[in-house]
PDB file of N, CA and C in Angstrom:
ATOM      1  N   THR A   1     -58.113-216.178 -12.476  1.00  0.00           N
ATOM      2  CA  THR A   1     -58.968-217.097 -13.192  1.00  0.00           C
ATOM      3  C   THR A   1     -60.018-217.635 -12.226  1.00  0.00           C
ATOM      4  N   ARG A   2     -61.239-217.651 -12.691  1.00  0.00           N
ATOM      5  CA  ARG A   2     -62.348-218.134 -11.879  1.00  0.00           C
ATOM      6  C   ARG A   2     -62.728-219.537 -12.292  1.00  0.00           C
ATOM      7  N   GLY A   3     -62.991-220.383 -11.328  1.00  0.00           N
ATOM      8  CA  GLY A   3     -63.459-221.725 -11.638  1.00  0.00           C
ATOM      9  C   GLY A   3     -62.368-222.608 -12.197  1.00  0.00           C
ATOM     10  N   ARG A   4     -62.812-223.790 -12.637  1.00  0.00           N
ATOM     11  CA  ARG A   4     -61.870-224.743 -13.216  1.00  0.00           C
ATOM     12  C   ARG A   4     -61.840-224.579 -14.724  1.00  0.00           C
ATOM     13  N   THR A   5     -60.752-224.998 -15.316  1.00  0.00           N
ATOM     14  CA  THR A   5     -60.641-224.953 -16.763  1.00  0.00           C
ATOM     15  C   THR A   5     -60.734-226.368 -17.312  1.00  0.00           C
ATOM     16  N   VAL A   6     -61.164-226.468 -18.538  1.00  0.00           N
ATOM     17  CA  VAL A   6     -61.213-227.754 -19.223  1.00  0.00           C
ATOM     18  C   VAL A   6     -60.537-227.594 -20.569  1.00  0.00           C
ATOM     19  N   PRO A   7     -59.901-228.656 -21.059  1.00  0.00           N
ATOM     20  CA  PRO A   7     -59.234-228.561 -22.357  1.00  0.00           C
ATOM     21  C   PRO A   7     -60.254-228.340 -23.476  1.00  0.00           C
ATOM     22  N   MET A   8     -59.880-227.508 -24.428  1.00  0.00           N
ATOM     23  CA  MET A   8     -60.704-227.253 -25.601  1.00  0.00           C
ATOM     24  C   MET A   8     -60.011-227.912 -26.793  1.00  0.00           C
ATOM     25  N   LEU A   9     -60.790-228.568 -27.612  1.00  0.00           N
ATOM     26  CA  LEU A   9     -60.267-229.276 -28.778  1.00  0.00           C
ATOM     27  C   LEU A   9     -60.848-228.645 -30.037  1.00  0.00           C
ATOM     28  N   VAL A  10     -59.983-228.276 -30.978  1.00  0.00           N
ATOM     29  CA  VAL A  10     -60.447-227.778 -32.264  1.00  0.00           C
ATOM     30  C   VAL A  10     -60.946-228.981 -33.052  1.00  0.00           C
ATOM     31  N   THR A  11     -62.225-228.945 -33.454  1.00  0.00           N
ATOM     32  CA  THR A  11     -62.818-230.097 -34.140  1.00  0.00           C
ATOM     33  C   THR A  11     -63.083-229.848 -35.623  1.00  0.00           C
ATOM     34  N   ALA A  12     -63.078-228.586 -36.051  1.00  0.00           N
ATOM     35  CA  ALA A  12     -63.295-228.293 -37.472  1.00  0.00           C
ATOM     36  C   ALA A  12     -62.723-226.917 -37.787  1.00  0.00           C
ATOM     37  N   VAL A  13     -62.124-226.801 -38.969  1.00  0.00           N
ATOM     38  CA  VAL A  13     -61.584-225.523 -39.436  1.00  0.00           C
ATOM     39  C   VAL A  13     -61.833-225.417 -40.937  1.00  0.00           C
ATOM     40  N   VAL A  14     -62.386-224.290 -41.346  1.00  0.00           N
ATOM     41  CA  VAL A  14     -62.449-223.917 -42.746  1.00  0.00           C
ATOM     42  C   VAL A  14     -61.698-222.592 -42.814  1.00  0.00           C
ATOM     43  N   PRO A  15     -60.448-222.610 -43.314  1.00  0.00           N
ATOM     44  CA  PRO A  15     -59.617-221.404 -43.257  1.00  0.00           C
ATOM     45  C   PRO A  15     -60.333-220.162 -43.797  1.00  0.00           C
ATOM     46  N   GLY A  16     -60.291-219.109 -42.991  1.00  0.00           N
ATOM     47  CA  GLY A  16     -60.891-217.851 -43.369  1.00  0.00           C
ATOM     48  C   GLY A  16     -62.409-217.809 -43.297  1.00  0.00           C
ATOM     49  N   ARG A  17     -63.053-218.919 -42.906  1.00  0.00           N
ATOM     50  CA  ARG A  17     -64.515-218.975 -42.906  1.00  0.00           C
ATOM     51  C   ARG A  17     -65.122-219.397 -41.559  1.00  0.00           C
ATOM     52  N   SER A  18     -64.556-220.433 -40.920  1.00  0.00           N
ATOM     53  CA  SER A  18     -65.169-220.909 -39.681  1.00  0.00           C
ATOM     54  C   SER A  18     -64.205-221.807 -38.909  1.00  0.00           C
ATOM     55  N   PHE A  19     -64.507-221.947 -37.621  1.00  0.00           N
ATOM     56  CA  PHE A  19     -63.822-222.940 -36.811  1.00  0.00           C
ATOM     57  C   PHE A  19     -64.729-223.346 -35.658  1.00  0.00           C
ATOM     58  N   THR A  20     -64.555-224.555 -35.194  1.00  0.00           N
ATOM     59  CA  THR A  20     -65.357-225.105 -34.105  1.00  0.00           C
ATOM     60  C   THR A  20     -64.423-225.708 -33.072  1.00  0.00           C
ATOM     61  N   VAL A  21     -64.701-225.418 -31.808  1.00  0.00           N
ATOM     62  CA  VAL A  21     -63.968-226.029 -30.704  1.00  0.00           C
ATOM     63  C   VAL A  21     -64.980-226.630 -29.741  1.00  0.00           C
ATOM     64  N   GLU A  22     -64.538-227.639 -29.010  1.00  0.00           N
ATOM     65  CA  GLU A  22     -65.429-228.231 -28.026  1.00  0.00           C
ATOM     66  C   GLU A  22     -64.654-228.698 -26.815  1.00  0.00           C
ATOM     67  N   CYS A  23     -65.380-228.795 -25.717  1.00  0.00           N
ATOM     68  CA  CYS A  23     -64.814-229.385 -24.506  1.00  0.00           C
ATOM     69  C   CYS A  23     -65.757-230.488 -24.064  1.00  0.00           C
ATOM     70  N   ARG A  24     -65.166-231.498 -23.470  1.00  0.00           N
ATOM     71  CA  ARG A  24     -65.945-232.657 -23.022  1.00  0.00           C
ATOM     72  C   ARG A  24     -65.562-232.994 -21.593  1.00  0.00           C
ATOM     73  N   ILE A  25     -66.582-233.263 -20.814  1.00  0.00           N
ATOM     74  CA  ILE A  25     -66.405-233.892 -19.516  1.00  0.00           C
ATOM     75  C   ILE A  25     -67.421-235.031 -19.497  1.00  0.00           C
ATOM     76  N   PRO A  26     -67.322-235.961 -18.572  1.00  0.00           N
ATOM     77  CA  PRO A  26     -68.294-237.053 -18.576  1.00  0.00           C
ATOM     78  C   PRO A  26     -69.735-236.522 -18.561  1.00  0.00           C
ATOM     79  N   LEU A  27     -70.544-237.019 -19.475  1.00  0.00           N
ATOM     80  CA  LEU A  27     -71.970-236.709 -19.603  1.00  0.00           C
ATOM     81  C   LEU A  27     -72.269-235.286 -20.053  1.00  0.00           C
ATOM     82  N   PHE A  28     -71.258-234.583 -20.572  1.00  0.00           N
ATOM     83  CA  PHE A  28     -71.486-233.205 -21.006  1.00  0.00           C
ATOM     84  C   PHE A  28     -70.481-232.822 -22.082  1.00  0.00           C
ATOM     85  N   ARG A  29     -70.999-232.110 -23.091  1.00  0.00           N
ATOM     86  CA  ARG A  29     -70.142-231.593 -24.161  1.00  0.00           C
ATOM     87  C   ARG A  29     -70.619-230.185 -24.498  1.00  0.00           C
ATOM     88  N   MET A  30     -69.679-229.250 -24.618  1.00  0.00           N
ATOM     89  CA  MET A  30     -69.982-227.871 -24.978  1.00  0.00           C
ATOM     90  C   MET A  30     -69.257-227.570 -26.285  1.00  0.00           C
ATOM     91  N   VAL A  31     -70.019-227.117 -27.291  1.00  0.00           N
ATOM     92  CA  VAL A  31     -69.484-226.866 -28.628  1.00  0.00           C
ATOM     93  C   VAL A  31     -69.601-225.377 -28.938  1.00  0.00           C
ATOM     94  N   PHE A  32     -68.485-224.767 -29.335  1.00  0.00           N
ATOM     95  CA  PHE A  32     -68.445-223.365 -29.737  1.00  0.00           C
ATOM     96  C   PHE A  32     -68.226-223.316 -31.242  1.00  0.00           C
ATOM     97  N   GLU A  33     -69.163-222.719 -31.976  1.00  0.00           N
ATOM     98  CA  GLU A  33     -69.026-222.547 -33.419  1.00  0.00           C
ATOM     99  C   GLU A  33     -68.761-221.075 -33.717  1.00  0.00           C
ATOM    100  N   HIS A  34     -67.820-220.811 -34.603  1.00  0.00           N
ATOM    101  CA  HIS A  34     -67.470-219.447 -35.001  1.00  0.00           C
ATOM    102  C   HIS A  34     -67.510-219.369 -36.518  1.00  0.00           C
ATOM    103  N   GLU A  35     -68.305-218.459 -37.054  1.00  0.00           N
ATOM    104  CA  GLU A  35     -68.369-218.237 -38.495  1.00  0.00           C
ATOM    105  C   GLU A  35     -67.890-216.820 -38.792  1.00  0.00           C
ATOM    106  N   LEU A  36     -67.059-216.674 -39.808  1.00  0.00           N
ATOM    107  CA  LEU A  36     -66.523-215.373 -40.206  1.00  0.00           C
ATOM    108  C   LEU A  36     -67.090-214.995 -41.563  1.00  0.00           C
ATOM    109  N   LEU A  37     -67.664-213.804 -41.640  1.00  0.00           N
ATOM    110  CA  LEU A  37     -68.238-213.313 -42.879  1.00  0.00           C
ATOM    111  C   LEU A  37     -67.570-211.992 -43.247  1.00  0.00           C
ATOM    112  N   PRO A  38     -66.757-211.994 -44.323  1.00  0.00           N
ATOM    113  CA  PRO A  38     -66.110-210.743 -44.730  1.00  0.00           C
ATOM    114  C   PRO A  38     -67.162-209.694 -45.081  1.00  0.00           C
ATOM    115  N   MET A  39     -66.933-208.470 -44.611  1.00  0.00           N
ATOM    116  CA  MET A  39     -67.832-207.354 -44.871  1.00  0.00           C
ATOM    117  C   MET A  39     -66.979-206.152 -45.245  1.00  0.00           C
ATOM    118  N   ASP A  40     -67.590-205.131 -45.815  1.00  0.00           N
ATOM    119  CA  ASP A  40     -66.850-203.912 -46.125  1.00  0.00           C
ATOM    120  C   ASP A  40     -66.211-203.370 -44.858  1.00  0.00           C
ATOM    121  N   GLY A  41     -64.910-203.228 -44.874  1.00  0.00           N
ATOM    122  CA  GLY A  41     -64.206-202.647 -43.742  1.00  0.00           C
ATOM    123  C   GLY A  41     -64.002-203.582 -42.565  1.00  0.00           C
ATOM    124  N   GLY A  42     -64.276-204.869 -42.696  1.00  0.00           N
ATOM    125  CA  GLY A  42     -64.065-205.755 -41.559  1.00  0.00           C
ATOM    126  C   GLY A  42     -64.640-207.142 -41.770  1.00  0.00           C
ATOM    127  N   THR A  43     -64.885-207.798 -40.668  1.00  0.00           N
ATOM    128  CA  THR A  43     -65.415-209.158 -40.679  1.00  0.00           C
ATOM    129  C   THR A  43     -66.495-209.270 -39.610  1.00  0.00           C
ATOM    130  N   GLU A  44     -67.623-209.836 -39.974  1.00  0.00           N
ATOM    131  CA  GLU A  44     -68.674-210.123 -38.995  1.00  0.00           C
ATOM    132  C   GLU A  44     -68.458-211.545 -38.492  1.00  0.00           C
ATOM    133  N   ILE A  45     -68.504-211.707 -37.171  1.00  0.00           N
ATOM    134  CA  ILE A  45     -68.299-213.025 -36.580  1.00  0.00           C
ATOM    135  C   ILE A  45     -69.585-213.445 -35.871  1.00  0.00           C
ATOM    136  N   THR A  46     -70.065-214.638 -36.211  1.00  0.00           N
ATOM    137  CA  THR A  46     -71.206-215.222 -35.516  1.00  0.00           C
ATOM    138  C   THR A  46     -70.666-216.304 -34.603  1.00  0.00           C
ATOM    139  N   HIS A  47     -71.078-216.255 -33.356  1.00  0.00           N
ATOM    140  CA  HIS A  47     -70.589-217.179 -32.344  1.00  0.00           C
ATOM    141  C   HIS A  47     -71.785-217.922 -31.769  1.00  0.00           C
ATOM    142  N   ARG A  48     -71.740-219.248 -31.786  1.00  0.00           N
ATOM    143  CA  ARG A  48     -72.819-220.071 -31.235  1.00  0.00           C
ATOM    144  C   ARG A  48     -72.242-221.038 -30.205  1.00  0.00           C
ATOM    145  N   VAL A  49     -73.044-221.324 -29.191  1.00  0.00           N
ATOM    146  CA  VAL A  49     -72.651-222.297 -28.173  1.00  0.00           C
ATOM    147  C   VAL A  49     -73.773-223.318 -28.047  1.00  0.00           C
ATOM    148  N   HIS A  50     -73.398-224.592 -28.067  1.00  0.00           N
ATOM    149  CA  HIS A  50     -74.372-225.679 -27.916  1.00  0.00           C
ATOM    150  C   HIS A  50     -73.942-226.561 -26.746  1.00  0.00           C
ATOM    151  N   PHE A  51     -74.914-227.020 -25.976  1.00  0.00           N
ATOM    152  CA  PHE A  51     -74.668-227.948 -24.881  1.00  0.00           C
ATOM    153  C   PHE A  51     -75.307-229.288 -25.226  1.00  0.00           C
ATOM    154  N   HIS A  52     -74.592-230.389 -24.928  1.00  0.00           N
ATOM    155  CA  HIS A  52     -75.091-231.728 -25.212  1.00  0.00           C
ATOM    156  C   HIS A  52     -74.824-232.631 -24.009  1.00  0.00           C
ATOM    157  N   GLY A  53     -75.637-233.632 -23.837  1.00  0.00           N
ATOM    158  CA  GLY A  53     -75.421-234.628 -22.798  1.00  0.00           C
ATOM    159  C   GLY A  53     -76.362-234.476 -21.624  1.00  0.00           C
ATOM    160  N   LEU A  54     -76.373-235.504 -20.789  1.00  0.00           N
ATOM    161  CA  LEU A  54     -77.284-235.539 -19.643  1.00  0.00           C
ATOM    162  C   LEU A  54     -77.081-234.375 -18.673  1.00  0.00           C
ATOM    163  N   LEU A  55     -75.846-233.947 -18.470  1.00  0.00           N
ATOM    164  CA  LEU A  55     -75.585-232.865 -17.517  1.00  0.00           C
ATOM    165  C   LEU A  55     -75.909-231.487 -18.074  1.00  0.00           C
ATOM    166  N   SER A  56     -76.299-231.399 -19.344  1.00  0.00           N
ATOM    167  CA  SER A  56     -76.608-230.088 -19.913  1.00  0.00           C
ATOM    168  C   SER A  56     -77.791-229.432 -19.208  1.00  0.00           C
ATOM    169  N   ILE A  57     -78.687-230.217 -18.653  1.00  0.00           N
ATOM    170  CA  ILE A  57     -79.835-229.663 -17.920  1.00  0.00           C
ATOM    171  C   ILE A  57     -79.364-228.905 -16.687  1.00  0.00           C
ATOM    172  N   VAL A  58     -78.343-229.430 -16.020  1.00  0.00           N
ATOM    173  CA  VAL A  58     -77.815-228.802 -14.809  1.00  0.00           C
ATOM    174  C   VAL A  58     -76.760-227.747 -15.140  1.00  0.00           C
ATOM    175  N   LEU A  59     -75.807-228.109 -15.993  1.00  0.00           N
ATOM    176  CA  LEU A  59     -74.687-227.217 -16.281  1.00  0.00           C
ATOM    177  C   LEU A  59     -75.045-226.089 -17.243  1.00  0.00           C
ATOM    178  N   GLY A  60     -75.967-226.341 -18.171  1.00  0.00           N
ATOM    179  CA  GLY A  60     -76.320-225.349 -19.173  1.00  0.00           C
ATOM    180  C   GLY A  60     -76.709-223.994 -18.586  1.00  0.00           C
ATOM    181  N   PRO A  61     -77.719-223.927 -17.702  1.00  0.00           N
ATOM    182  CA  PRO A  61     -78.118-222.620 -17.160  1.00  0.00           C
ATOM    183  C   PRO A  61     -76.994-221.909 -16.405  1.00  0.00           C
ATOM    184  N   MET A  62     -76.189-222.657 -15.683  1.00  0.00           N
ATOM    185  CA  MET A  62     -75.077-222.054 -14.942  1.00  0.00           C
ATOM    186  C   MET A  62     -74.029-221.488 -15.908  1.00  0.00           C
ATOM    187  N   LEU A  63     -73.712-222.257 -16.949  1.00  0.00           N
ATOM    188  CA  LEU A  63     -72.705-221.818 -17.912  1.00  0.00           C
ATOM    189  C   LEU A  63     -73.202-220.666 -18.769  1.00  0.00           C
ATOM    190  N   ILE A  64     -74.484-220.632 -19.063  1.00  0.00           N
ATOM    191  CA  ILE A  64     -75.028-219.521 -19.849  1.00  0.00           C
ATOM    192  C   ILE A  64     -74.787-218.204 -19.133  1.00  0.00           C
ATOM    193  N   ARG A  65     -75.013-218.166 -17.836  1.00  0.00           N
ATOM    194  CA  ARG A  65     -74.759-216.935 -17.066  1.00  0.00           C
ATOM    195  C   ARG A  65     -73.294-216.530 -17.149  1.00  0.00           C
ATOM    196  N   GLN A  66     -72.400-217.487 -16.995  1.00  0.00           N
ATOM    197  CA  GLN A  66     -70.973-217.197 -17.061  1.00  0.00           C
ATOM    198  C   GLN A  66     -70.564-216.744 -18.463  1.00  0.00           C
ATOM    199  N   LEU A  67     -71.119-217.376 -19.487  1.00  0.00           N
ATOM    200  CA  LEU A  67     -70.777-217.008 -20.861  1.00  0.00           C
ATOM    201  C   LEU A  67     -71.270-215.606 -21.208  1.00  0.00           C
ATOM    202  N   ARG A  68     -72.441-215.257 -20.740  1.00  0.00           N
ATOM    203  CA  ARG A  68     -72.963-213.909 -21.016  1.00  0.00           C
ATOM    204  C   ARG A  68     -72.081-212.832 -20.406  1.00  0.00           C
ATOM    205  N   THR A  69     -71.431-213.145 -19.309  1.00  0.00           N
ATOM    206  CA  THR A  69     -70.528-212.190 -18.666  1.00  0.00           C
ATOM    207  C   THR A  69     -69.146-212.203 -19.312  1.00  0.00           C
ATOM    208  N   GLY A  70     -68.595-213.380 -19.499  1.00  0.00           N
ATOM    209  CA  GLY A  70     -67.217-213.503 -19.953  1.00  0.00           C
ATOM    210  C   GLY A  70     -67.013-213.481 -21.447  1.00  0.00           C
ATOM    211  N   LEU A  71     -67.996-213.929 -22.208  1.00  0.00           N
ATOM    212  CA  LEU A  71     -67.814-214.035 -23.648  1.00  0.00           C
ATOM    213  C   LEU A  71     -67.580-212.696 -24.338  1.00  0.00           C
ATOM    214  N   PRO A  72     -68.303-211.636 -24.006  1.00  0.00           N
ATOM    215  CA  PRO A  72     -68.015-210.354 -24.658  1.00  0.00           C
ATOM    216  C   PRO A  72     -66.563-209.886 -24.445  1.00  0.00           C
ATOM    217  N   VAL A  73     -66.025-210.131 -23.275  1.00  0.00           N
ATOM    218  CA  VAL A  73     -64.633-209.762 -22.995  1.00  0.00           C
ATOM    219  C   VAL A  73     -63.687-210.602 -23.861  1.00  0.00           C
ATOM    220  N   THR A  74     -63.939-211.894 -23.919  1.00  0.00           N
ATOM    221  CA  THR A  74     -63.104-212.789 -24.719  1.00  0.00           C
ATOM    222  C   THR A  74     -63.149-212.413 -26.192  1.00  0.00           C
ATOM    223  N   LEU A  75     -64.339-212.136 -26.714  1.00  0.00           N
ATOM    224  CA  LEU A  75     -64.465-211.784 -28.126  1.00  0.00           C
ATOM    225  C   LEU A  75     -63.819-210.440 -28.435  1.00  0.00           C
ATOM    226  N   GLU A  76     -63.896-209.499 -27.521  1.00  0.00           N
ATOM    227  CA  GLU A  76     -63.230-208.207 -27.728  1.00  0.00           C
ATOM    228  C   GLU A  76     -61.720-208.396 -27.788  1.00  0.00           C
ATOM    229  N   ARG A  77     -61.175-209.230 -26.920  1.00  0.00           N
ATOM    230  CA  ARG A  77     -59.732-209.501 -26.951  1.00  0.00           C
ATOM    231  C   ARG A  77     -59.340-210.192 -28.259  1.00  0.00           C
ATOM    232  N   LEU A  78     -60.197-211.105 -28.718  1.00  0.00           N
ATOM    233  CA  LEU A  78     -59.930-211.784 -29.987  1.00  0.00           C
ATOM    234  C   LEU A  78     -59.938-210.772 -31.134  1.00  0.00           C
ATOM    235  N   ARG A  79     -60.889-209.834 -31.127  1.00  0.00           N
ATOM    236  CA  ARG A  79     -60.954-208.801 -32.162  1.00  0.00           C
ATOM    237  C   ARG A  79     -59.681-207.966 -32.142  1.00  0.00           C
ATOM    238  N   GLN A  80     -59.243-207.548 -30.964  1.00  0.00           N
ATOM    239  CA  GLN A  80     -58.043-206.735 -30.855  1.00  0.00           C
ATOM    240  C   GLN A  80     -56.824-207.459 -31.383  1.00  0.00           C
ATOM    241  N   ARG A  81     -56.695-208.741 -31.067  1.00  0.00           N
ATOM    242  CA  ARG A  81     -55.550-209.524 -31.557  1.00  0.00           C
ATOM    243  C   ARG A  81     -55.586-209.677 -33.068  1.00  0.00           C
ATOM    244  N   ALA A  82     -56.785-209.948 -33.613  1.00  0.00           N
ATOM    245  CA  ALA A  82     -56.910-210.119 -35.051  1.00  0.00           C
ATOM    246  C   ALA A  82     -56.560-208.823 -35.781  1.00  0.00           C
ATOM    247  N   GLU A  83     -57.044-207.702 -35.255  1.00  0.00           N
ATOM    248  CA  GLU A  83     -56.741-206.428 -35.893  1.00  0.00           C
ATOM    249  C   GLU A  83     -55.259-206.072 -35.782  1.00  0.00           C
ATOM    250  N   ALA A  84     -54.641-206.390 -34.644  1.00  0.00           N
ATOM    251  CA  ALA A  84     -53.216-206.118 -34.471  1.00  0.00           C
ATOM    252  C   ALA A  84     -52.367-206.966 -35.411  1.00  0.00           C
ATOM    253  N   ALA A  85     -52.873-208.163 -35.747  1.00  0.00           N
ATOM    254  CA  ALA A  85     -52.148-209.057 -36.647  1.00  0.00           C
ATOM    255  C   ALA A  85     -52.447-208.746 -38.117  1.00  0.00           C
ATOM    256  N   GLY A  86     -53.310-207.757 -38.348  1.00  0.00           N
ATOM    257  CA  GLY A  86     -53.634-207.398 -39.724  1.00  0.00           C
ATOM    258  C   GLY A  86     -54.775-208.204 -40.295  1.00  0.00           C
ATOM    259  N   GLY A  87     -55.569-208.874 -39.391  1.00  0.00           N
ATOM    260  CA  GLY A  87     -56.674-209.730 -39.867  1.00  0.00           C
ATOM    261  C   GLY A  87     -57.853-209.008 -40.159  1.00  0.00           C
TER     262      GLY A  87
END
C-alpha cells in the first residue's frame, strides 16, 4: 500500500442505481459519486470525483495524478467482483 489511508464514509445509496462515498480531513473533502446504468448485456458505471475545501488547491492536483493511475485498477477489480457475484 502506498501512502496513507483515510476512512471512507458512505453518504448516499440508491439501491441498484447509485452510491456516494466521501473522505474528510481538516480543510479538505473528497467525494466519489458512482452511478449505475443498466444496459444490454451489462451495466455502465459513471464515476465522478469532487474535491472541496481550502486544501483542494494543493491536494487536488496531487490526488488527480494518483487517481488516474490507481482508479482504473480499482474499478476493474470492482467489475470482476460484481460479475463473480452475478451482478
